Protein backbone atom coordinates (compact mmCIF):
# COMPACT_ATOMS: atom_id res chain seq x y z
CA MET A 1 -7.38 -16.77 -11.74
CA PHE A 2 -4.28 -14.97 -10.38
CA GLU A 3 -3.68 -12.01 -7.89
CA CYS A 4 -0.54 -9.55 -9.35
CA VAL A 5 0.71 -6.34 -8.70
CA LYS A 6 2.14 -3.91 -11.12
CA ARG A 7 5.86 -3.18 -10.94
CA GLU A 8 5.84 0.55 -10.14
CA ASP A 9 2.85 0.23 -7.80
CA ARG A 10 3.24 -2.98 -6.09
CA ALA A 11 0.68 -1.77 -3.66
CA LYS A 12 -2.34 -1.87 -5.76
CA LYS A 13 -3.67 -5.78 -6.59
CA PHE A 14 -5.47 -7.03 -9.40
CA ALA A 15 -6.64 -10.14 -10.52
CA CYS A 16 -4.98 -11.49 -13.60
CA LYS A 17 -7.50 -14.17 -15.79
CA ALA A 18 -4.83 -16.75 -17.47
CA ILE A 19 -6.43 -17.85 -20.77
CA ARG A 20 -3.96 -20.62 -22.40
CA LYS A 21 -4.68 -20.65 -26.02
CA GLU A 22 -3.71 -24.30 -26.40
CA ARG A 23 -7.21 -25.02 -24.40
CA VAL A 24 -9.05 -22.70 -26.75
CA GLN A 25 -7.86 -23.57 -29.88
CA ARG A 26 -7.43 -27.40 -28.82
CA HIS A 27 -10.68 -29.48 -29.89
CA ALA A 28 -11.56 -32.09 -32.41
CA SER A 29 -14.00 -29.60 -34.36
CA LEU A 30 -12.72 -26.52 -35.67
CA HIS A 31 -16.74 -25.11 -35.02
CA LYS A 32 -15.99 -25.72 -31.59
CA ALA A 33 -12.33 -24.30 -31.64
CA LYS A 34 -13.75 -20.90 -33.71
CA ARG A 35 -16.79 -20.87 -30.89
CA ASN A 36 -14.72 -21.32 -28.40
CA ILE A 37 -12.03 -18.43 -29.34
CA LYS A 38 -15.58 -16.18 -30.10
CA ARG A 39 -15.99 -16.84 -26.17
CA VAL A 40 -12.36 -15.01 -25.14
CA ASP A 41 -13.31 -12.16 -28.20
CA THR A 42 -17.02 -11.71 -26.73
CA GLU A 43 -15.56 -11.92 -23.04
CA VAL A 44 -12.78 -8.98 -23.50
CA ARG A 45 -15.15 -6.68 -25.94
CA ALA A 46 -17.66 -6.90 -23.08
CA LEU A 47 -15.61 -5.82 -20.34
CA LYS A 48 -14.23 -2.94 -22.07
CA ARG A 49 -17.99 -1.76 -23.07
CA PHE A 50 -18.90 -1.47 -19.12
CA SER A 51 -18.18 1.53 -17.14
CA HIS A 52 -19.99 1.31 -13.91
CA ALA A 53 -19.75 0.45 -10.25
CA ALA A 54 -21.56 -2.43 -9.92
CA VAL A 55 -19.33 -4.52 -12.56
CA VAL A 56 -15.52 -5.61 -12.73
CA ARG A 57 -13.35 -3.57 -14.25
CA LEU A 58 -10.86 -4.98 -17.28
CA TYR A 59 -7.47 -2.61 -17.34
CA ASP A 60 -5.15 -4.38 -19.77
CA VAL A 61 -5.22 -7.41 -21.98
CA ILE A 62 -2.14 -9.08 -22.97
CA GLN A 63 -1.15 -11.99 -25.26
CA SER A 64 1.81 -13.94 -24.64
CA PRO A 65 2.19 -17.18 -27.23
CA GLN A 66 0.59 -19.25 -25.11
CA HIS A 67 -1.69 -17.41 -23.28
CA VAL A 68 -3.80 -14.55 -23.10
CA TYR A 69 -3.90 -12.78 -19.68
CA LEU A 70 -7.00 -10.41 -18.89
CA VAL A 71 -6.20 -7.70 -15.67
CA LEU A 72 -9.32 -7.14 -14.20
CA GLU A 73 -9.80 -5.23 -10.73
CA ARG A 74 -9.42 -7.51 -7.60
CA GLY A 75 -12.92 -8.42 -5.77
CA ASP A 76 -11.84 -10.44 -1.91
CA ARG A 77 -14.12 -13.15 -2.09
CA ASP A 78 -17.28 -14.50 -4.21
CA LEU A 79 -20.97 -14.56 -2.79
CA TYR A 80 -20.38 -17.35 -0.72
CA ALA A 81 -18.18 -16.57 1.15
CA PHE A 82 -19.46 -13.55 1.66
CA LEU A 83 -22.51 -14.78 2.89
CA ASP A 84 -20.22 -17.53 4.99
CA ASP A 85 -19.39 -14.78 6.79
CA TYR A 86 -22.62 -14.23 8.80
CA LYS A 87 -22.88 -17.27 11.23
CA ASP A 88 -26.23 -17.04 12.60
CA GLY A 89 -27.83 -16.10 8.36
CA CYS A 90 -27.63 -12.83 6.52
CA THR A 91 -30.18 -10.12 7.31
CA GLU A 92 -32.49 -9.06 5.08
CA ASP A 93 -30.77 -5.74 4.77
CA VAL A 94 -27.68 -6.77 3.58
CA VAL A 95 -29.27 -9.18 0.82
CA ARG A 96 -31.64 -6.70 -0.21
CA SER A 97 -28.59 -4.48 -0.51
CA VAL A 98 -26.43 -6.71 -2.51
CA MET A 99 -28.87 -7.56 -4.64
CA ARG A 100 -30.17 -4.06 -5.77
CA ILE A 101 -26.35 -3.58 -6.18
CA ALA A 102 -26.51 -6.31 -8.39
CA ALA A 103 -29.62 -5.84 -10.05
CA LEU A 104 -28.10 -2.07 -11.20
CA GLY A 105 -24.65 -3.83 -12.61
CA LEU A 106 -27.02 -6.06 -14.73
CA ARG A 107 -29.14 -3.36 -16.02
CA HIS A 108 -26.10 -1.41 -17.21
CA CYS A 109 -24.74 -4.81 -18.81
CA HIS A 110 -27.78 -5.20 -20.29
CA ALA A 111 -27.52 -1.11 -21.26
CA GLN A 112 -24.66 -1.73 -23.37
CA GLY A 113 -25.88 -4.74 -25.48
CA ILE A 114 -24.88 -7.27 -23.04
CA ALA A 115 -26.48 -10.62 -21.33
CA HIS A 116 -24.12 -12.26 -18.78
CA ARG A 117 -26.23 -15.66 -18.98
CA ASP A 118 -23.92 -17.28 -15.94
CA LEU A 119 -25.14 -14.56 -12.98
CA LYS A 120 -24.28 -17.12 -9.80
CA PRO A 121 -22.38 -16.41 -6.33
CA GLU A 122 -19.52 -17.41 -7.69
CA ASN A 123 -19.58 -14.68 -10.13
CA VAL A 124 -20.89 -11.71 -7.99
CA LEU A 125 -17.43 -10.71 -5.88
CA VAL A 126 -18.01 -8.23 -2.90
CA SER A 127 -14.71 -6.57 -0.99
CA PHE A 128 -14.35 -6.02 2.77
CA ASP A 129 -15.37 -2.60 1.75
CA ASP A 130 -18.47 -4.31 0.87
CA ARG A 131 -18.82 -3.10 -2.89
CA VAL A 132 -20.29 -5.69 -5.11
CA LYS A 133 -19.27 -6.59 -8.55
CA ILE A 134 -20.17 -8.33 -11.15
CA ALA A 135 -17.38 -10.42 -12.79
CA ASP A 136 -16.66 -13.65 -15.13
CA PHE A 137 -18.01 -12.63 -18.71
CA GLY A 138 -16.96 -15.72 -20.16
CA VAL A 139 -20.39 -16.68 -21.66
CA SER A 140 -21.92 -13.77 -22.27
CA CYS A 141 -23.06 -12.39 -25.98
CA MET A 142 -24.00 -9.24 -27.31
CA LEU A 143 -27.98 -9.10 -27.47
CA THR A 144 -29.12 -8.17 -31.11
CA ASN A 145 -32.87 -7.91 -31.63
CA ASP A 146 -32.33 -11.69 -33.27
CA ASN A 147 -31.62 -12.81 -29.70
């Protein structure tokens, strides 16, 4: 993951997730390679479905011969770093607020038929203006009646 900007507007910053195609496809068995390609496809399809303030936004998908790049909304820090900013511990009100926003984002994901499956502090982003976003849908899956 790295930071990027548009040429026309360098003030707005984005996160760019670079996925090496060789790494996705390079596995001993064809079955594993197909599963990893499906994971990238599932992540992109999931992000395209979302339209919620508590879920990171996908701006663009760019492919090169070697990589797939996901241009995403940028977060300032993950939940671990956010909590570390509270030297004497985080108040109950702050924790309750963060968890409520994350739960609303998760509810939106489920309403769109997507299960995150990897929700942890590293995948919850908090901006310096205290916006909370769920990120990293790399192991998400589409919900069906069979799941």
